[in-house]
Amino acid sequence: MVDLEGVRSKRLAPIPARQRPIFLRAWTGKSRKAALRACCLECMGYQSAEVNRCTSHACPLYAYRTGRI
């Protein structure tokens, strides 16, 4: 059995405090927008401005990233 809380705690550790609520909201399973945002933030090194400037057209989430939803 996987210790989900332990796994999530380890995953949250390197995430800047300002970005952690997005990941917590995404993990509830109630916010697709938060889940997309969390993936994009992780990809862009947790830099919000970089998510908006993303040019990775090959990414399956590109059409749904923040600012394009």
C-alpha atoms as a PDB file:
ATOM      1  CA  MET A   1       0.000   0.000   0.000  1.00  0.00           C
ATOM      2  CA  VAL A   2       1.307   3.465  -0.915  1.00  0.00           C
ATOM      3  CA  ASP A   3       1.616   6.121   1.775  1.00  0.00           C
ATOM      4  CA  LEU A   4      -0.070   8.869  -0.251  1.00  0.00           C
ATOM      5  CA  GLU A   5       0.427  11.552   2.400  1.00  0.00           C
ATOM      6  CA  GLY A   6       4.128  10.749   2.649  1.00  0.00           C
ATOM      7  CA  VAL A   7       4.560  10.835  -1.115  1.00  0.00           C
ATOM      8  CA  ARG A   8       2.749  14.164  -1.357  1.00  0.00           C
ATOM      9  CA  SER A   9       4.741  15.652   1.521  1.00  0.00           C
ATOM     10  CA  LYS A  10       7.995  14.766  -0.237  1.00  0.00           C
ATOM     11  CA  ARG A  11       6.689  16.195  -3.490  1.00  0.00           C
ATOM     12  CA  LEU A  12       5.633  19.464  -1.812  1.00  0.00           C
ATOM     13  CA  ALA A  13       8.984  20.004  -0.087  1.00  0.00           C
ATOM     14  CA  PRO A  14      10.838  21.614  -3.040  1.00  0.00           C
ATOM     15  CA  ILE A  15       7.787  23.557  -4.258  1.00  0.00           C
ATOM     16  CA  PRO A  16       7.829  27.241  -3.294  1.00  0.00           C
ATOM     17  CA  ALA A  17       5.322  28.029  -0.534  1.00  0.00           C
ATOM     18  CA  ARG A  18       3.469  30.413  -2.833  1.00  0.00           C
ATOM     19  CA  GLN A  19       2.713  27.599  -5.311  1.00  0.00           C
ATOM     20  CA  ARG A  20       1.793  24.854  -2.810  1.00  0.00           C
ATOM     21  CA  PRO A  21      -1.941  25.705  -2.553  1.00  0.00           C
ATOM     22  CA  ILE A  22      -2.340  25.007  -6.273  1.00  0.00           C
ATOM     23  CA  PHE A  23      -0.926  21.503  -5.834  1.00  0.00           C
ATOM     24  CA  LEU A  24      -3.056  20.876  -2.744  1.00  0.00           C
ATOM     25  CA  ARG A  25      -6.190  21.966  -4.617  1.00  0.00           C
ATOM     26  CA  ALA A  26      -5.241  19.801  -7.612  1.00  0.00           C
ATOM     27  CA  TRP A  27      -4.834  16.736  -5.397  1.00  0.00           C
ATOM     28  CA  THR A  28      -8.414  17.020  -4.160  1.00  0.00           C
ATOM     29  CA  GLY A  29      -9.557  15.964  -7.623  1.00  0.00           C
ATOM     30  CA  LYS A  30     -12.133  18.738  -7.743  1.00  0.00           C
ATOM     31  CA  SER A  31     -10.248  21.261  -9.871  1.00  0.00           C
ATOM     32  CA  ARG A  32      -9.052  20.411 -13.362  1.00  0.00           C
ATOM     33  CA  LYS A  33      -7.811  23.956 -13.743  1.00  0.00           C
ATOM     34  CA  ALA A  34      -5.592  23.568 -10.661  1.00  0.00           C
ATOM     35  CA  ALA A  35      -4.276  20.241 -11.958  1.00  0.00           C
ATOM     36  CA  LEU A  36      -3.349  21.791 -15.308  1.00  0.00           C
ATOM     37  CA  ARG A  37      -1.756  24.772 -13.590  1.00  0.00           C
ATOM     38  CA  ALA A  38       0.247  22.491 -11.288  1.00  0.00           C
ATOM     39  CA  CYS A  39       1.615  20.508 -14.240  1.00  0.00           C
ATOM     40  CA  CYS A  40       2.554  23.658 -16.120  1.00  0.00           C
ATOM     41  CA  LEU A  41       4.167  25.226 -13.053  1.00  0.00           C
ATOM     42  CA  GLU A  42       6.242  22.132 -12.426  1.00  0.00           C
ATOM     43  CA  CYS A  43       7.359  22.040 -16.067  1.00  0.00           C
ATOM     44  CA  MET A  44       8.346  25.712 -15.981  1.00  0.00           C
ATOM     45  CA  GLY A  45      10.309  25.546 -12.747  1.00  0.00           C
ATOM     46  CA  TYR A  46       7.473  27.013 -10.642  1.00  0.00           C
ATOM     47  CA  GLN A  47       7.673  30.365 -12.464  1.00  0.00           C
ATOM     48  CA  SER A  48       4.156  31.682 -13.118  1.00  0.00           C
ATOM     49  CA  ALA A  49       5.246  34.145 -15.772  1.00  0.00           C
ATOM     50  CA  GLU A  50       6.947  31.372 -17.726  1.00  0.00           C
ATOM     51  CA  VAL A  51       3.712  29.377 -17.908  1.00  0.00           C
ATOM     52  CA  ASN A  52       2.116  32.250 -19.815  1.00  0.00           C
ATOM     53  CA  ARG A  53       5.122  32.447 -22.162  1.00  0.00           C
ATOM     54  CA  CYS A  54       5.217  28.714 -22.882  1.00  0.00           C
ATOM     55  CA  THR A  55       6.078  27.846 -26.475  1.00  0.00           C
ATOM     56  CA  SER A  56       6.029  24.068 -26.177  1.00  0.00           C
ATOM     57  CA  HIS A  57       3.472  23.419 -28.906  1.00  0.00           C
ATOM     58  CA  ALA A  58       4.137  19.661 -28.701  1.00  0.00           C
ATOM     59  CA  CYS A  59       2.917  19.540 -25.084  1.00  0.00           C
ATOM     60  CA  PRO A  60      -0.509  17.858 -24.802  1.00  0.00           C
ATOM     61  CA  LEU A  61      -1.549  20.532 -22.296  1.00  0.00           C
ATOM     62  CA  TYR A  62      -0.426  23.493 -24.418  1.00  0.00           C
ATOM     63  CA  ALA A  63      -3.934  24.411 -25.565  1.00  0.00           C
ATOM     64  CA  TYR A  64      -5.209  24.333 -21.968  1.00  0.00           C
ATOM     65  CA  ARG A  65      -2.450  26.196 -20.122  1.00  0.00           C
ATOM     66  CA  THR A  66      -3.194  29.264 -18.019  1.00  0.00           C
ATOM     67  CA  GLY A  67      -4.278  32.181 -20.115  1.00  0.00           C
ATOM     68  CA  ARG A  68      -5.603  29.933 -22.865  1.00  0.00           C
ATOM     69  CA  ILE A  69      -8.442  28.128 -21.087  1.00  0.00           C
END
